[in-house]
């Protein structure tokens, strides 16, 4: 199954935000609380509550970031 290319910005935002939320929430939880028995459940809850904020943010901000990068790079 392939997704039509017109949805590329949405797929990009979904994947990037999901990866970033997973990594950052795991990092924050481990550094603030350490490894413990309920870490996996707490991590999943953290991901599920922050991804709905991260996804539209990344999707809306990405075009602006691409323009800025295009201006500051050779």
C-alpha atoms as a PDB file:
ATOM      1  CA  UNK A   1       0.000   0.000   0.000  1.00  0.00           C
ATOM      2  CA  UNK A   2       1.429   3.339  -1.053  1.00  0.00           C
ATOM      3  CA  UNK A   3       0.232   6.726   0.062  1.00  0.00           C
ATOM      4  CA  UNK A   4      -0.242   9.300  -2.723  1.00  0.00           C
ATOM      5  CA  UNK A   5       2.568  11.860  -2.862  1.00  0.00           C
ATOM      6  CA  UNK A   6       0.158  14.754  -2.297  1.00  0.00           C
ATOM      7  CA  UNK A   7      -0.009  13.589   1.328  1.00  0.00           C
ATOM      8  CA  UNK A   8       3.772  13.756   1.774  1.00  0.00           C
ATOM      9  CA  UNK A   9       3.737  16.776   4.120  1.00  0.00           C
ATOM     10  CA  UNK A  10       1.203  15.079   6.398  1.00  0.00           C
ATOM     11  CA  UNK A  11       3.070  11.757   6.385  1.00  0.00           C
ATOM     12  CA  UNK A  12       6.329  13.607   7.050  1.00  0.00           C
ATOM     13  CA  UNK A  13       4.792  15.461  10.000  1.00  0.00           C
ATOM     14  CA  UNK A  14       3.230  12.312  11.408  1.00  0.00           C
ATOM     15  CA  UNK A  15       6.430  10.270  11.257  1.00  0.00           C
ATOM     16  CA  UNK A  16       8.777  13.002  12.445  1.00  0.00           C
ATOM     17  CA  UNK A  17       6.535  14.005  15.339  1.00  0.00           C
ATOM     18  CA  UNK A  18       5.953  10.393  16.402  1.00  0.00           C
ATOM     19  CA  UNK A  19       9.676   9.643  16.409  1.00  0.00           C
ATOM     20  CA  UNK A  20      10.546  12.839  18.265  1.00  0.00           C
ATOM     21  CA  UNK A  21       7.799  12.380  20.861  1.00  0.00           C
ATOM     22  CA  UNK A  22       8.886   8.793  21.500  1.00  0.00           C
ATOM     23  CA  UNK A  23      12.559   9.713  21.919  1.00  0.00           C
ATOM     24  CA  UNK A  24      12.105  12.901  23.927  1.00  0.00           C
ATOM     25  CA  UNK A  25       9.458  11.520  26.277  1.00  0.00           C
ATOM     26  CA  UNK A  26      11.581   8.423  26.976  1.00  0.00           C
ATOM     27  CA  UNK A  27      14.629  10.613  27.623  1.00  0.00           C
ATOM     28  CA  UNK A  28      12.764  12.934  29.981  1.00  0.00           C
ATOM     29  CA  UNK A  29      11.144  10.097  31.904  1.00  0.00           C
ATOM     30  CA  UNK A  30      14.385   8.161  32.332  1.00  0.00           C
ATOM     31  CA  UNK A  31      16.435  11.200  33.329  1.00  0.00           C
ATOM     32  CA  UNK A  32      13.868  12.481  35.819  1.00  0.00           C
ATOM     33  CA  UNK A  33      12.594   9.195  37.269  1.00  0.00           C
ATOM     34  CA  UNK A  34      15.103   6.544  36.241  1.00  0.00           C
ATOM     35  CA  UNK A  35      14.175   3.051  35.141  1.00  0.00           C
ATOM     36  CA  UNK A  36      11.273   1.658  37.151  1.00  0.00           C
ATOM     37  CA  UNK A  37       8.510  -0.929  36.888  1.00  0.00           C
ATOM     38  CA  UNK A  38       5.852   1.396  35.453  1.00  0.00           C
ATOM     39  CA  UNK A  39       8.124   3.162  32.973  1.00  0.00           C
ATOM     40  CA  UNK A  40       6.692   1.544  29.832  1.00  0.00           C
ATOM     41  CA  UNK A  41       3.125   2.426  30.744  1.00  0.00           C
ATOM     42  CA  UNK A  42       4.078   5.960  31.739  1.00  0.00           C
ATOM     43  CA  UNK A  43       6.056   6.368  28.499  1.00  0.00           C
ATOM     44  CA  UNK A  44       3.102   5.178  26.400  1.00  0.00           C
ATOM     45  CA  UNK A  45       0.758   7.582  28.194  1.00  0.00           C
ATOM     46  CA  UNK A  46       3.226  10.427  27.706  1.00  0.00           C
ATOM     47  CA  UNK A  47       3.508   9.670  23.990  1.00  0.00           C
ATOM     48  CA  UNK A  48      -0.250   9.453  23.540  1.00  0.00           C
ATOM     49  CA  UNK A  49      -0.853  12.765  25.299  1.00  0.00           C
ATOM     50  CA  UNK A  50       1.932  14.775  23.640  1.00  0.00           C
ATOM     51  CA  UNK A  51       1.759  13.491  20.064  1.00  0.00           C
ATOM     52  CA  UNK A  52      -1.535  15.293  19.310  1.00  0.00           C
ATOM     53  CA  UNK A  53       0.301  18.544  20.077  1.00  0.00           C
ATOM     54  CA  UNK A  54       3.534  17.629  18.288  1.00  0.00           C
ATOM     55  CA  UNK A  55       1.930  16.426  15.039  1.00  0.00           C
ATOM     56  CA  UNK A  56       0.147  19.632  14.026  1.00  0.00           C
ATOM     57  CA  UNK A  57       3.059  21.711  15.306  1.00  0.00           C
ATOM     58  CA  UNK A  58       5.587  19.874  13.136  1.00  0.00           C
ATOM     59  CA  UNK A  59       3.234  19.827  10.167  1.00  0.00           C
ATOM     60  CA  UNK A  60       2.591  23.570  10.360  1.00  0.00           C
ATOM     61  CA  UNK A  61       6.163  24.627  11.213  1.00  0.00           C
ATOM     62  CA  UNK A  62       8.046  22.385   8.725  1.00  0.00           C
ATOM     63  CA  UNK A  63       7.435  24.574   5.636  1.00  0.00           C
ATOM     64  CA  UNK A  64       8.708  27.635   7.484  1.00  0.00           C
ATOM     65  CA  UNK A  65      11.794  25.756   8.698  1.00  0.00           C
ATOM     66  CA  UNK A  66      12.511  24.554   5.153  1.00  0.00           C
ATOM     67  CA  UNK A  67      12.367  28.170   3.893  1.00  0.00           C
ATOM     68  CA  UNK A  68      14.685  29.380   6.656  1.00  0.00           C
ATOM     69  CA  UNK A  69      17.143  26.568   5.981  1.00  0.00           C
ATOM     70  CA  UNK A  70      17.032  27.392   2.266  1.00  0.00           C
ATOM     71  CA  UNK A  71      17.951  30.999   3.009  1.00  0.00           C
ATOM     72  CA  UNK A  72      20.807  30.286   5.409  1.00  0.00           C
ATOM     73  CA  UNK A  73      22.487  27.519   3.452  1.00  0.00           C
ATOM     74  CA  UNK A  74      24.457  27.745   0.243  1.00  0.00           C
END
